[in-house]
């Protein structure tokens, strides 16, 4: 997996994931700000959640974001 992320096989890598994108608009704003500040490396959008559609729209505007899906 390290090589797929652009690291050497022996490198130690920390992935910081912000879970539950889409719960609220304020959560979405906070997670987007953390991406802009390079404080996180990925997020997962919670489907279905009240602000999931807003989160999906914000994700389409940002490039090179690592976004997964959190299904409940």
PDB file of N, CA and C in Angstrom:
ATOM      1  N   UNK A   1       0.818  -1.191   0.000  1.00  0.00           N
ATOM      2  CA  UNK A   1       0.000   0.000   0.000  1.00  0.00           C
ATOM      3  C   UNK A   1       0.865   1.258   0.000  1.00  0.00           C
ATOM      4  N   UNK A   2       1.984   1.237   0.714  1.00  0.00           N
ATOM      5  CA  UNK A   2       2.852   2.415   0.759  1.00  0.00           C
ATOM      6  C   UNK A   2       3.239   2.888  -0.628  1.00  0.00           C
ATOM      7  N   UNK A   3       3.604   1.954  -1.485  1.00  0.00           N
ATOM      8  CA  UNK A   3       4.035   2.320  -2.828  1.00  0.00           C
ATOM      9  C   UNK A   3       2.891   2.935  -3.625  1.00  0.00           C
ATOM     10  N   UNK A   4       1.678   2.468  -3.407  1.00  0.00           N
ATOM     11  CA  UNK A   4       0.524   3.041  -4.097  1.00  0.00           C
ATOM     12  C   UNK A   4       0.295   4.491  -3.675  1.00  0.00           C
ATOM     13  N   UNK A   5       0.712   4.830  -2.469  1.00  0.00           N
ATOM     14  CA  UNK A   5       0.573   6.200  -1.966  1.00  0.00           C
ATOM     15  C   UNK A   5       1.784   7.068  -2.308  1.00  0.00           C
ATOM     16  N   UNK A   6       2.802   6.470  -2.953  1.00  0.00           N
ATOM     17  CA  UNK A   6       3.978   7.235  -3.344  1.00  0.00           C
ATOM     18  C   UNK A   6       5.121   7.180  -2.353  1.00  0.00           C
ATOM     19  N   UNK A   7       5.066   6.243  -1.418  1.00  0.00           N
ATOM     20  CA  UNK A   7       6.109   6.098  -0.415  1.00  0.00           C
ATOM     21  C   UNK A   7       6.899   4.827  -0.671  1.00  0.00           C
ATOM     22  N   UNK A   8       8.033   4.700  -0.016  1.00  0.00           N
ATOM     23  CA  UNK A   8       8.832   3.480  -0.089  1.00  0.00           C
ATOM     24  C   UNK A   8       8.150   2.383   0.722  1.00  0.00           C
ATOM     25  N   UNK A   9       8.390   1.119   0.364  1.00  0.00           N
ATOM     26  CA  UNK A   9       7.752   0.015   1.093  1.00  0.00           C
ATOM     27  C   UNK A   9       8.073  -0.013   2.581  1.00  0.00           C
ATOM     28  N   UNK A  10       9.232   0.516   2.971  1.00  0.00           N
ATOM     29  CA  UNK A  10       9.627   0.477   4.377  1.00  0.00           C
ATOM     30  C   UNK A  10       9.239   1.741   5.148  1.00  0.00           C
ATOM     31  N   UNK A  11       8.679   2.744   4.467  1.00  0.00           N
ATOM     32  CA  UNK A  11       8.263   3.970   5.144  1.00  0.00           C
ATOM     33  C   UNK A  11       7.091   3.699   6.074  1.00  0.00           C
ATOM     34  N   UNK A  12       7.070   4.430   7.178  1.00  0.00           N
ATOM     35  CA  UNK A  12       5.911   4.388   8.073  1.00  0.00           C
ATOM     36  C   UNK A  12       5.014   5.556   7.702  1.00  0.00           C
ATOM     37  N   UNK A  13       3.743   5.276   7.550  1.00  0.00           N
ATOM     38  CA  UNK A  13       2.795   6.274   7.067  1.00  0.00           C
ATOM     39  C   UNK A  13       1.628   6.373   8.054  1.00  0.00           C
ATOM     40  N   UNK A  14       1.227   7.598   8.345  1.00  0.00           N
ATOM     41  CA  UNK A  14       0.065   7.833   9.198  1.00  0.00           C
ATOM     42  C   UNK A  14      -1.025   8.458   8.334  1.00  0.00           C
ATOM     43  N   UNK A  15      -2.184   7.836   8.339  1.00  0.00           N
ATOM     44  CA  UNK A  15      -3.336   8.368   7.624  1.00  0.00           C
ATOM     45  C   UNK A  15      -4.288   8.928   8.672  1.00  0.00           C
ATOM     46  N   UNK A  16      -4.605  10.204   8.543  1.00  0.00           N
ATOM     47  CA  UNK A  16      -5.527  10.848   9.476  1.00  0.00           C
ATOM     48  C   UNK A  16      -6.841  11.069   8.738  1.00  0.00           C
ATOM     49  N   UNK A  17      -7.855  10.322   9.136  1.00  0.00           N
ATOM     50  CA  UNK A  17      -9.156  10.356   8.475  1.00  0.00           C
ATOM     51  C   UNK A  17     -10.174  11.095   9.335  1.00  0.00           C
ATOM     52  N   UNK A  18     -10.863  12.059   8.727  1.00  0.00           N
ATOM     53  CA  UNK A  18     -11.951  12.772   9.401  1.00  0.00           C
ATOM     54  C   UNK A  18     -13.250  12.067   9.035  1.00  0.00           C
ATOM     55  N   UNK A  19     -13.778  11.328   9.976  1.00  0.00           N
ATOM     56  CA  UNK A  19     -14.973  10.523   9.745  1.00  0.00           C
ATOM     57  C   UNK A  19     -16.234  11.386   9.784  1.00  0.00           C
ATOM     58  N   UNK A  20     -17.274  10.903   9.150  1.00  0.00           N
ATOM     59  CA  UNK A  20     -18.633  11.469   9.230  1.00  0.00           C
ATOM     60  C   UNK A  20     -18.817  12.810   8.518  1.00  0.00           C
ATOM     61  N   UNK A  21     -18.112  13.019   7.415  1.00  0.00           N
ATOM     62  CA  UNK A  21     -18.411  14.174   6.563  1.00  0.00           C
ATOM     63  C   UNK A  21     -19.864  14.046   6.130  1.00  0.00           C
ATOM     64  N   UNK A  22     -20.596  15.130   6.197  1.00  0.00           N
ATOM     65  CA  UNK A  22     -21.996  15.108   5.791  1.00  0.00           C
ATOM     66  C   UNK A  22     -22.986  15.102   6.939  1.00  0.00           C
ATOM     67  N   UNK A  23     -22.499  14.973   8.166  1.00  0.00           N
ATOM     68  CA  UNK A  23     -23.416  14.954   9.315  1.00  0.00           C
ATOM     69  C   UNK A  23     -24.137  16.300   9.431  1.00  0.00           C
ATOM     70  N   UNK A  24     -23.385  17.385   9.404  1.00  0.00           N
ATOM     71  CA  UNK A  24     -23.953  18.738   9.447  1.00  0.00           C
ATOM     72  C   UNK A  24     -23.130  19.626   8.529  1.00  0.00           C
ATOM     73  N   UNK A  25     -23.679  20.760   8.169  1.00  0.00           N
ATOM     74  CA  UNK A  25     -22.922  21.712   7.326  1.00  0.00           C
ATOM     75  C   UNK A  25     -21.692  22.243   8.052  1.00  0.00           C
ATOM     76  N   UNK A  26     -21.805  22.442   9.360  1.00  0.00           N
ATOM     77  CA  UNK A  26     -20.633  22.939  10.101  1.00  0.00           C
ATOM     78  C   UNK A  26     -19.531  21.883  10.143  1.00  0.00           C
ATOM     79  N   UNK A  27     -19.911  20.603  10.222  1.00  0.00           N
ATOM     80  CA  UNK A  27     -18.912  19.530  10.143  1.00  0.00           C
ATOM     81  C   UNK A  27     -18.247  19.551   8.782  1.00  0.00           C
ATOM     82  N   UNK A  28     -19.037  19.726   7.728  1.00  0.00           N
ATOM     83  CA  UNK A  28     -18.481  19.805   6.377  1.00  0.00           C
ATOM     84  C   UNK A  28     -17.477  20.951   6.257  1.00  0.00           C
ATOM     85  N   UNK A  29     -17.836  22.111   6.768  1.00  0.00           N
ATOM     86  CA  UNK A  29     -16.950  23.274   6.705  1.00  0.00           C
ATOM     87  C   UNK A  29     -15.648  23.009   7.464  1.00  0.00           C
ATOM     88  N   UNK A  30     -15.773  22.399   8.632  1.00  0.00           N
ATOM     89  CA  UNK A  30     -14.583  22.117   9.435  1.00  0.00           C
ATOM     90  C   UNK A  30     -13.663  21.125   8.725  1.00  0.00           C
ATOM     91  N   UNK A  31     -14.239  20.089   8.137  1.00  0.00           N
ATOM     92  CA  UNK A  31     -13.420  19.093   7.443  1.00  0.00           C
ATOM     93  C   UNK A  31     -12.770  19.701   6.207  1.00  0.00           C
ATOM     94  N   UNK A  32     -13.481  20.528   5.457  1.00  0.00           N
ATOM     95  CA  UNK A  32     -12.890  21.189   4.291  1.00  0.00           C
ATOM     96  C   UNK A  32     -11.740  22.099   4.719  1.00  0.00           C
ATOM     97  N   UNK A  33     -11.911  22.792   5.829  1.00  0.00           N
ATOM     98  CA  UNK A  33     -10.843  23.650   6.336  1.00  0.00           C
ATOM     99  C   UNK A  33      -9.628  22.823   6.753  1.00  0.00           C
ATOM    100  N   UNK A  34      -9.874  21.662   7.358  1.00  0.00           N
ATOM    101  CA  UNK A  34      -8.754  20.799   7.737  1.00  0.00           C
ATOM    102  C   UNK A  34      -7.994  20.305   6.503  1.00  0.00           C
ATOM    103  N   UNK A  35      -8.714  20.000   5.418  1.00  0.00           N
ATOM    104  CA  UNK A  35      -8.043  19.634   4.168  1.00  0.00           C
ATOM    105  C   UNK A  35      -7.178  20.780   3.661  1.00  0.00           C
ATOM    106  N   UNK A  36      -7.727  21.990   3.666  1.00  0.00           N
ATOM    107  CA  UNK A  36      -6.986  23.160   3.193  1.00  0.00           C
ATOM    108  C   UNK A  36      -5.735  23.416   4.021  1.00  0.00           C
ATOM    109  N   UNK A  37      -5.783  23.082   5.308  1.00  0.00           N
ATOM    110  CA  UNK A  37      -4.640  23.278   6.209  1.00  0.00           C
ATOM    111  C   UNK A  37      -3.729  22.053   6.277  1.00  0.00           C
ATOM    112  N   UNK A  38      -4.010  21.042   5.444  1.00  0.00           N
ATOM    113  CA  UNK A  38      -3.239  19.789   5.437  1.00  0.00           C
ATOM    114  C   UNK A  38      -3.201  19.111   6.803  1.00  0.00           C
ATOM    115  N   UNK A  39      -4.287  19.257   7.558  1.00  0.00           N
ATOM    116  CA  UNK A  39      -4.369  18.645   8.885  1.00  0.00           C
ATOM    117  C   UNK A  39      -4.886  17.210   8.826  1.00  0.00           C
ATOM    118  N   UNK A  40      -5.535  16.848   7.721  1.00  0.00           N
ATOM    119  CA  UNK A  40      -6.043  15.491   7.533  1.00  0.00           C
ATOM    120  C   UNK A  40      -5.633  14.994   6.151  1.00  0.00           C
ATOM    121  N   UNK A  41      -5.646  13.673   5.995  1.00  0.00           N
ATOM    122  CA  UNK A  41      -5.276  13.104   4.700  1.00  0.00           C
ATOM    123  C   UNK A  41      -6.473  12.500   3.974  1.00  0.00           C
ATOM    124  N   UNK A  42      -7.573  12.267   4.690  1.00  0.00           N
ATOM    125  CA  UNK A  42      -8.757  11.698   4.043  1.00  0.00           C
ATOM    126  C   UNK A  42      -9.992  11.964   4.887  1.00  0.00           C
ATOM    127  N   UNK A  43     -11.134  11.685   4.284  1.00  0.00           N
ATOM    128  CA  UNK A  43     -12.403  11.787   4.987  1.00  0.00           C
ATOM    129  C   UNK A  43     -13.335  10.714   4.447  1.00  0.00           C
ATOM    130  N   UNK A  44     -14.409  10.476   5.166  1.00  0.00           N
ATOM    131  CA  UNK A  44     -15.432   9.555   4.677  1.00  0.00           C
ATOM    132  C   UNK A  44     -16.796  10.211   4.849  1.00  0.00           C
ATOM    133  N   UNK A  45     -17.560  10.204   3.772  1.00  0.00           N
ATOM    134  CA  UNK A  45     -18.863  10.851   3.786  1.00  0.00           C
ATOM    135  C   UNK A  45     -19.917   9.865   4.298  1.00  0.00           C
ATOM    136  N   UNK A  46     -20.707  10.319   5.239  1.00  0.00           N
ATOM    137  CA  UNK A  46     -21.727   9.497   5.876  1.00  0.00           C
ATOM    138  C   UNK A  46     -23.017   9.570   5.057  1.00  0.00           C
ATOM    139  N   UNK A  47     -23.407   8.416   4.524  1.00  0.00           N
ATOM    140  CA  UNK A  47     -24.611   8.353   3.705  1.00  0.00           C
ATOM    141  C   UNK A  47     -25.576   7.380   4.359  1.00  0.00           C
ATOM    142  N   UNK A  48     -26.815   7.716   4.628  1.00  0.00           N
ATOM    143  CA  UNK A  48     -27.403   9.034   4.442  1.00  0.00           C
ATOM    144  C   UNK A  48     -27.212   9.894   5.691  1.00  0.00           C
ATOM    145  N   UNK A  49     -27.010  11.146   5.478  1.00  0.00           N
ATOM    146  CA  UNK A  49     -26.912  12.114   6.572  1.00  0.00           C
ATOM    147  C   UNK A  49     -27.530  13.421   6.081  1.00  0.00           C
ATOM    148  N   UNK A  50     -27.910  14.266   7.000  1.00  0.00           N
ATOM    149  CA  UNK A  50     -28.632  15.492   6.641  1.00  0.00           C
ATOM    150  C   UNK A  50     -27.871  16.387   5.670  1.00  0.00           C
ATOM    151  N   UNK A  51     -26.565  16.476   5.820  1.00  0.00           N
ATOM    152  CA  UNK A  51     -25.774  17.384   4.984  1.00  0.00           C
ATOM    153  C   UNK A  51     -24.874  16.636   3.999  1.00  0.00           C
ATOM    154  N   UNK A  52     -25.238  15.386   3.684  1.00  0.00           N
ATOM    155  CA  UNK A  52     -24.418  14.580   2.766  1.00  0.00           C
ATOM    156  C   UNK A  52     -24.387  15.170   1.364  1.00  0.00           C
ATOM    157  N   UNK A  53     -25.505  15.665   0.896  1.00  0.00           N
ATOM    158  CA  UNK A  53     -25.534  16.252  -0.446  1.00  0.00           C
ATOM    159  C   UNK A  53     -24.653  17.491  -0.506  1.00  0.00           C
ATOM    160  N   UNK A  54     -24.709  18.320   0.526  1.00  0.00           N
ATOM    161  CA  UNK A  54     -23.838  19.501   0.612  1.00  0.00           C
ATOM    162  C   UNK A  54     -22.373  19.071   0.618  1.00  0.00           C
ATOM    163  N   UNK A  55     -22.061  18.027   1.358  1.00  0.00           N
ATOM    164  CA  UNK A  55     -20.684  17.524   1.415  1.00  0.00           C
ATOM    165  C   UNK A  55     -20.224  17.040   0.055  1.00  0.00           C
ATOM    166  N   UNK A  56     -21.087  16.311  -0.643  1.00  0.00           N
ATOM    167  CA  UNK A  56     -20.734  15.802  -1.966  1.00  0.00           C
ATOM    168  C   UNK A  56     -20.465  16.954  -2.938  1.00  0.00           C
ATOM    169  N   UNK A  57     -21.268  17.995  -2.867  1.00  0.00           N
ATOM    170  CA  UNK A  57     -21.045  19.157  -3.732  1.00  0.00           C
ATOM    171  C   UNK A  57     -19.721  19.835  -3.420  1.00  0.00           C
ATOM    172  N   UNK A  58     -19.401  19.967  -2.133  1.00  0.00           N
ATOM    173  CA  UNK A  58     -18.122  20.576  -1.754  1.00  0.00           C
ATOM    174  C   UNK A  58     -16.950  19.728  -2.226  1.00  0.00           C
ATOM    175  N   UNK A  59     -17.095  18.413  -2.150  1.00  0.00           N
ATOM    176  CA  UNK A  59     -16.017  17.517  -2.577  1.00  0.00           C
ATOM    177  C   UNK A  59     -15.761  17.615  -4.074  1.00  0.00           C
ATOM    178  N   UNK A  60     -16.806  17.843  -4.848  1.00  0.00           N
ATOM    179  CA  UNK A  60     -16.614  17.963  -6.296  1.00  0.00           C
ATOM    180  C   UNK A  60     -15.869  19.239  -6.659  1.00  0.00           C
ATOM    181  N   UNK A  61     -15.939  20.240  -5.808  1.00  0.00           N
ATOM    182  CA  UNK A  61     -15.237  21.501  -6.060  1.00  0.00           C
ATOM    183  C   UNK A  61     -13.755  21.413  -5.732  1.00  0.00           C
ATOM    184  N   UNK A  62     -13.394  20.549  -4.798  1.00  0.00           N
ATOM    185  CA  UNK A  62     -12.005  20.406  -4.362  1.00  0.00           C
ATOM    186  C   UNK A  62     -11.322  19.322  -5.190  1.00  0.00           C
ATOM    187  N   UNK A  63     -10.071  19.539  -5.516  1.00  0.00           N
ATOM    188  CA  UNK A  63      -9.318  18.539  -6.268  1.00  0.00           C
ATOM    189  C   UNK A  63      -8.346  17.820  -5.345  1.00  0.00           C
ATOM    190  N   UNK A  64      -8.045  16.594  -5.686  1.00  0.00           N
ATOM    191  CA  UNK A  64      -7.048  15.772  -4.981  1.00  0.00           C
ATOM    192  C   UNK A  64      -7.427  15.497  -3.531  1.00  0.00           C
ATOM    193  N   UNK A  65      -8.727  15.389  -3.261  1.00  0.00           N
ATOM    194  CA  UNK A  65      -9.181  15.001  -1.924  1.00  0.00           C
ATOM    195  C   UNK A  65      -9.381  13.496  -1.902  1.00  0.00           C
ATOM    196  N   UNK A  66      -8.986  12.871  -0.823  1.00  0.00           N
ATOM    197  CA  UNK A  66      -9.215  11.440  -0.636  1.00  0.00           C
ATOM    198  C   UNK A  66     -10.501  11.279   0.155  1.00  0.00           C
ATOM    199  N   UNK A  67     -11.562  10.867  -0.539  1.00  0.00           N
ATOM    200  CA  UNK A  67     -12.871  10.750   0.096  1.00  0.00           C
ATOM    201  C   UNK A  67     -13.385   9.327  -0.092  1.00  0.00           C
ATOM    202  N   UNK A  68     -13.745   8.723   1.020  1.00  0.00           N
ATOM    203  CA  UNK A  68     -14.367   7.398   0.986  1.00  0.00           C
ATOM    204  C   UNK A  68     -15.825   7.513   1.351  1.00  0.00           C
ATOM    205  N   UNK A  69     -16.481   6.388   1.464  1.00  0.00           N
ATOM    206  CA  UNK A  69     -17.901   6.391   1.805  1.00  0.00           C
ATOM    207  C   UNK A  69     -18.098   5.618   3.107  1.00  0.00           C
ATOM    208  N   UNK A  70     -18.960   6.156   3.944  1.00  0.00           N
ATOM    209  CA  UNK A  70     -19.302   5.549   5.236  1.00  0.00           C
ATOM    210  C   UNK A  70     -20.791   5.217   5.157  1.00  0.00           C
ATOM    211  N   UNK A  71     -21.090   3.953   4.959  1.00  0.00           N
ATOM    212  CA  UNK A  71     -22.486   3.531   4.804  1.00  0.00           C
ATOM    213  C   UNK A  71     -23.008   3.011   6.135  1.00  0.00           C
ATOM    214  N   UNK A  72     -24.199   3.469   6.519  1.00  0.00           N
ATOM    215  CA  UNK A  72     -24.807   2.972   7.749  1.00  0.00           C
ATOM    216  C   UNK A  72     -26.095   2.252   7.441  1.00  0.00           C
TER     217      UNK A  72
END
